[in-house]
Amino acid sequence: QVQLVESGGGLVQPGGALRLSCAATGSIFGPYVQGWYRQSPGKQRELVATITSDGVRRYEDSVKGRFTISRGNARNTFNLQMNNLEPEDTAVYYCNVRRIGTVEVYWGQGTQVTVSP
């Protein structure tokens, strides 16, 4: 059983930066996609960024050039570096791992990011 735990959320002023981390317990075999999603009140959960096991990255348009998804130094961890944060980035951020070609998917519990003066 794989469990994901996020860390690094918090309150930051506009223009500031935060780094989110996701640590996975257990192992996922085969090709997979690691990702970050976010959900604001009254809105659907949306994709922020993903990275495949081959290292291919993808970003939602509004975060391109500001956010970077990467693998962590520790095994089974990955990060989201968020720079030049805007109030519109305020949301609960969830990490996600999905095995490609299967219905196997895992979610973290979420971490709050608030961007406010």
C-alpha atoms as a PDB file:
ATOM      1  CA  GLN A   1       0.000   0.000   0.000  1.00  0.00           C
ATOM      2  CA  VAL A   2       1.368   3.403  -0.991  1.00  0.00           C
ATOM      3  CA  GLN A   3       0.744   6.482   1.138  1.00  0.00           C
ATOM      4  CA  LEU A   4       1.619  10.048   0.182  1.00  0.00           C
ATOM      5  CA  VAL A   5       2.334  12.835   2.667  1.00  0.00           C
ATOM      6  CA  GLU A   6       2.664  16.481   1.620  1.00  0.00           C
ATOM      7  CA  SER A   7       4.547  19.167   3.470  1.00  0.00           C
ATOM      8  CA  GLY A   8       5.628  22.767   2.917  1.00  0.00           C
ATOM      9  CA  GLY A   9       2.391  24.686   2.624  1.00  0.00           C
ATOM     10  CA  GLY A  10       1.727  27.931   4.444  1.00  0.00           C
ATOM     11  CA  LEU A  11       1.019  31.636   4.195  1.00  0.00           C
ATOM     12  CA  VAL A  12       3.112  33.801   1.890  1.00  0.00           C
ATOM     13  CA  GLN A  13       2.849  37.304   0.468  1.00  0.00           C
ATOM     14  CA  PRO A  14       2.310  37.904  -3.261  1.00  0.00           C
ATOM     15  CA  GLY A  15       5.608  37.542  -5.089  1.00  0.00           C
ATOM     16  CA  GLY A  16       6.915  35.118  -2.491  1.00  0.00           C
ATOM     17  CA  ALA A  17       7.927  31.486  -2.835  1.00  0.00           C
ATOM     18  CA  LEU A  18       7.096  28.126  -1.283  1.00  0.00           C
ATOM     19  CA  ARG A  19       8.392  24.618  -1.820  1.00  0.00           C
ATOM     20  CA  LEU A  20       6.009  21.696  -1.460  1.00  0.00           C
ATOM     21  CA  SER A  21       7.271  18.171  -0.937  1.00  0.00           C
ATOM     22  CA  CYS A  22       5.557  14.814  -1.295  1.00  0.00           C
ATOM     23  CA  ALA A  23       6.957  11.710   0.343  1.00  0.00           C
ATOM     24  CA  ALA A  24       5.698   8.293  -0.656  1.00  0.00           C
ATOM     25  CA  THR A  25       5.872   5.201   1.521  1.00  0.00           C
ATOM     26  CA  GLY A  26       5.990   1.936  -0.376  1.00  0.00           C
ATOM     27  CA  SER A  27       7.021   1.388  -3.981  1.00  0.00           C
ATOM     28  CA  ILE A  28       5.297   1.847  -7.298  1.00  0.00           C
ATOM     29  CA  PHE A  29       6.493  -0.425 -10.073  1.00  0.00           C
ATOM     30  CA  GLY A  30       6.404   0.253 -13.752  1.00  0.00           C
ATOM     31  CA  PRO A  31       5.947   3.564 -15.540  1.00  0.00           C
ATOM     32  CA  TYR A  32       4.152   6.190 -13.470  1.00  0.00           C
ATOM     33  CA  VAL A  33       3.282   9.862 -13.297  1.00  0.00           C
ATOM     34  CA  GLN A  34       3.857  12.039 -10.235  1.00  0.00           C
ATOM     35  CA  GLY A  35       1.816  15.177 -10.026  1.00  0.00           C
ATOM     36  CA  TRP A  36       0.512  18.140  -8.108  1.00  0.00           C
ATOM     37  CA  TYR A  37      -3.113  19.259  -8.196  1.00  0.00           C
ATOM     38  CA  ARG A  38      -4.917  22.073  -6.409  1.00  0.00           C
ATOM     39  CA  GLN A  39      -8.435  22.918  -5.383  1.00  0.00           C
ATOM     40  CA  SER A  40      -9.842  26.300  -4.413  1.00  0.00           C
ATOM     41  CA  PRO A  41     -13.198  26.746  -2.617  1.00  0.00           C
ATOM     42  CA  GLY A  42     -16.057  26.329  -5.060  1.00  0.00           C
ATOM     43  CA  LYS A  43     -13.810  25.088  -7.862  1.00  0.00           C
ATOM     44  CA  GLN A  44     -12.916  21.695  -9.251  1.00  0.00           C
ATOM     45  CA  ARG A  45      -9.562  20.137  -8.536  1.00  0.00           C
ATOM     46  CA  GLU A  46      -7.158  21.059 -11.318  1.00  0.00           C
ATOM     47  CA  LEU A  47      -3.837  19.797 -12.563  1.00  0.00           C
ATOM     48  CA  VAL A  48      -0.844  21.990 -11.719  1.00  0.00           C
ATOM     49  CA  ALA A  49       2.174  19.989 -12.872  1.00  0.00           C
ATOM     50  CA  THR A  50       3.247  16.434 -13.604  1.00  0.00           C
ATOM     51  CA  ILE A  51       6.473  14.537 -14.157  1.00  0.00           C
ATOM     52  CA  THR A  52       6.673  11.049 -15.607  1.00  0.00           C
ATOM     53  CA  SER A  53       9.058   8.300 -14.570  1.00  0.00           C
ATOM     54  CA  ASP A  54      10.949   9.187 -17.781  1.00  0.00           C
ATOM     55  CA  GLY A  55      11.335  12.782 -16.593  1.00  0.00           C
ATOM     56  CA  VAL A  56       8.838  14.450 -18.944  1.00  0.00           C
ATOM     57  CA  ARG A  57       7.287  17.511 -17.307  1.00  0.00           C
ATOM     58  CA  ARG A  58       3.972  19.202 -17.989  1.00  0.00           C
ATOM     59  CA  TYR A  59       2.530  22.409 -16.491  1.00  0.00           C
ATOM     60  CA  GLU A  60      -0.821  24.144 -16.362  1.00  0.00           C
ATOM     61  CA  ASP A  61      -0.609  27.363 -18.391  1.00  0.00           C
ATOM     62  CA  SER A  62      -1.015  29.783 -15.473  1.00  0.00           C
ATOM     63  CA  VAL A  63       1.994  28.366 -13.601  1.00  0.00           C
ATOM     64  CA  LYS A  64       4.433  28.003 -16.498  1.00  0.00           C
ATOM     65  CA  GLY A  65       7.642  29.879 -15.768  1.00  0.00           C
ATOM     66  CA  ARG A  66       6.795  30.192 -12.071  1.00  0.00           C
ATOM     67  CA  PHE A  67       6.460  26.607 -10.805  1.00  0.00           C
ATOM     68  CA  THR A  68       8.911  23.725 -11.201  1.00  0.00           C
ATOM     69  CA  ILE A  69       8.214  20.063 -10.483  1.00  0.00           C
ATOM     70  CA  SER A  70      11.198  17.879  -9.673  1.00  0.00           C
ATOM     71  CA  ARG A  71      12.254  14.647  -8.047  1.00  0.00           C
ATOM     72  CA  GLY A  72      13.627  14.939  -4.543  1.00  0.00           C
ATOM     73  CA  ASN A  73      17.016  13.764  -3.359  1.00  0.00           C
ATOM     74  CA  ALA A  74      15.374  11.232  -1.068  1.00  0.00           C
ATOM     75  CA  ARG A  75      13.921   8.162  -2.714  1.00  0.00           C
ATOM     76  CA  ASN A  76      10.208   8.315  -3.515  1.00  0.00           C
ATOM     77  CA  THR A  77       9.935  12.065  -2.976  1.00  0.00           C
ATOM     78  CA  PHE A  78       9.066  14.830  -5.381  1.00  0.00           C
ATOM     79  CA  ASN A  79       8.701  18.569  -5.023  1.00  0.00           C
ATOM     80  CA  LEU A  80       6.938  21.616  -6.379  1.00  0.00           C
ATOM     81  CA  GLN A  81       8.925  24.845  -6.252  1.00  0.00           C
ATOM     82  CA  MET A  82       6.513  27.764  -6.497  1.00  0.00           C
ATOM     83  CA  ASN A  83       7.964  31.203  -7.215  1.00  0.00           C
ATOM     84  CA  ASN A  84       6.344  34.587  -7.773  1.00  0.00           C
ATOM     85  CA  LEU A  85       3.156  33.399  -6.094  1.00  0.00           C
ATOM     86  CA  GLU A  86      -0.108  35.181  -6.800  1.00  0.00           C
ATOM     87  CA  PRO A  87      -3.320  35.374  -4.747  1.00  0.00           C
ATOM     88  CA  GLU A  88      -4.936  33.194  -7.431  1.00  0.00           C
ATOM     89  CA  ASP A  89      -2.578  30.380  -6.430  1.00  0.00           C
ATOM     90  CA  THR A  90      -4.328  30.102  -3.068  1.00  0.00           C
ATOM     91  CA  ALA A  91      -5.675  26.546  -2.760  1.00  0.00           C
ATOM     92  CA  VAL A  92      -5.231  23.191  -1.120  1.00  0.00           C
ATOM     93  CA  TYR A  93      -2.449  21.397  -2.989  1.00  0.00           C
ATOM     94  CA  TYR A  94      -2.504  17.618  -3.368  1.00  0.00           C
ATOM     95  CA  CYS A  95       0.227  15.316  -4.573  1.00  0.00           C
ATOM     96  CA  ASN A  96      -0.708  12.357  -6.722  1.00  0.00           C
ATOM     97  CA  VAL A  97       0.964   9.272  -8.145  1.00  0.00           C
ATOM     98  CA  ARG A  98      -0.603   7.227 -10.917  1.00  0.00           C
ATOM     99  CA  ARG A  99       0.630   4.033 -12.535  1.00  0.00           C
ATOM    100  CA  ILE A 100       0.386   4.409 -16.280  1.00  0.00           C
ATOM    101  CA  GLY A 101      -1.928   1.897 -17.946  1.00  0.00           C
ATOM    102  CA  THR A 102      -3.690   0.947 -14.716  1.00  0.00           C
ATOM    103  CA  VAL A 103      -6.357   2.331 -12.399  1.00  0.00           C
ATOM    104  CA  GLU A 104      -3.834   2.468  -9.563  1.00  0.00           C
ATOM    105  CA  VAL A 105      -3.721   6.024  -8.217  1.00  0.00           C
ATOM    106  CA  TYR A 106      -2.753   7.524  -4.872  1.00  0.00           C
ATOM    107  CA  TRP A 107      -3.462  10.917  -3.299  1.00  0.00           C
ATOM    108  CA  GLY A 108      -1.965  12.826  -0.422  1.00  0.00           C
ATOM    109  CA  GLN A 109      -4.099  14.486   2.235  1.00  0.00           C
ATOM    110  CA  GLY A 110      -3.491  18.015   0.936  1.00  0.00           C
ATOM    111  CA  THR A 111      -1.608  21.046   2.197  1.00  0.00           C
ATOM    112  CA  GLN A 112      -2.967  24.600   2.313  1.00  0.00           C
ATOM    113  CA  VAL A 113      -1.200  27.353   0.388  1.00  0.00           C
ATOM    114  CA  THR A 114      -2.429  30.890   1.033  1.00  0.00           C
ATOM    115  CA  VAL A 115      -1.073  33.881  -0.865  1.00  0.00           C
ATOM    116  CA  SER A 116      -2.146  37.118   0.769  1.00  0.00           C
ATOM    117  CA  PRO A 117      -0.658  40.523   1.651  1.00  0.00           C
END
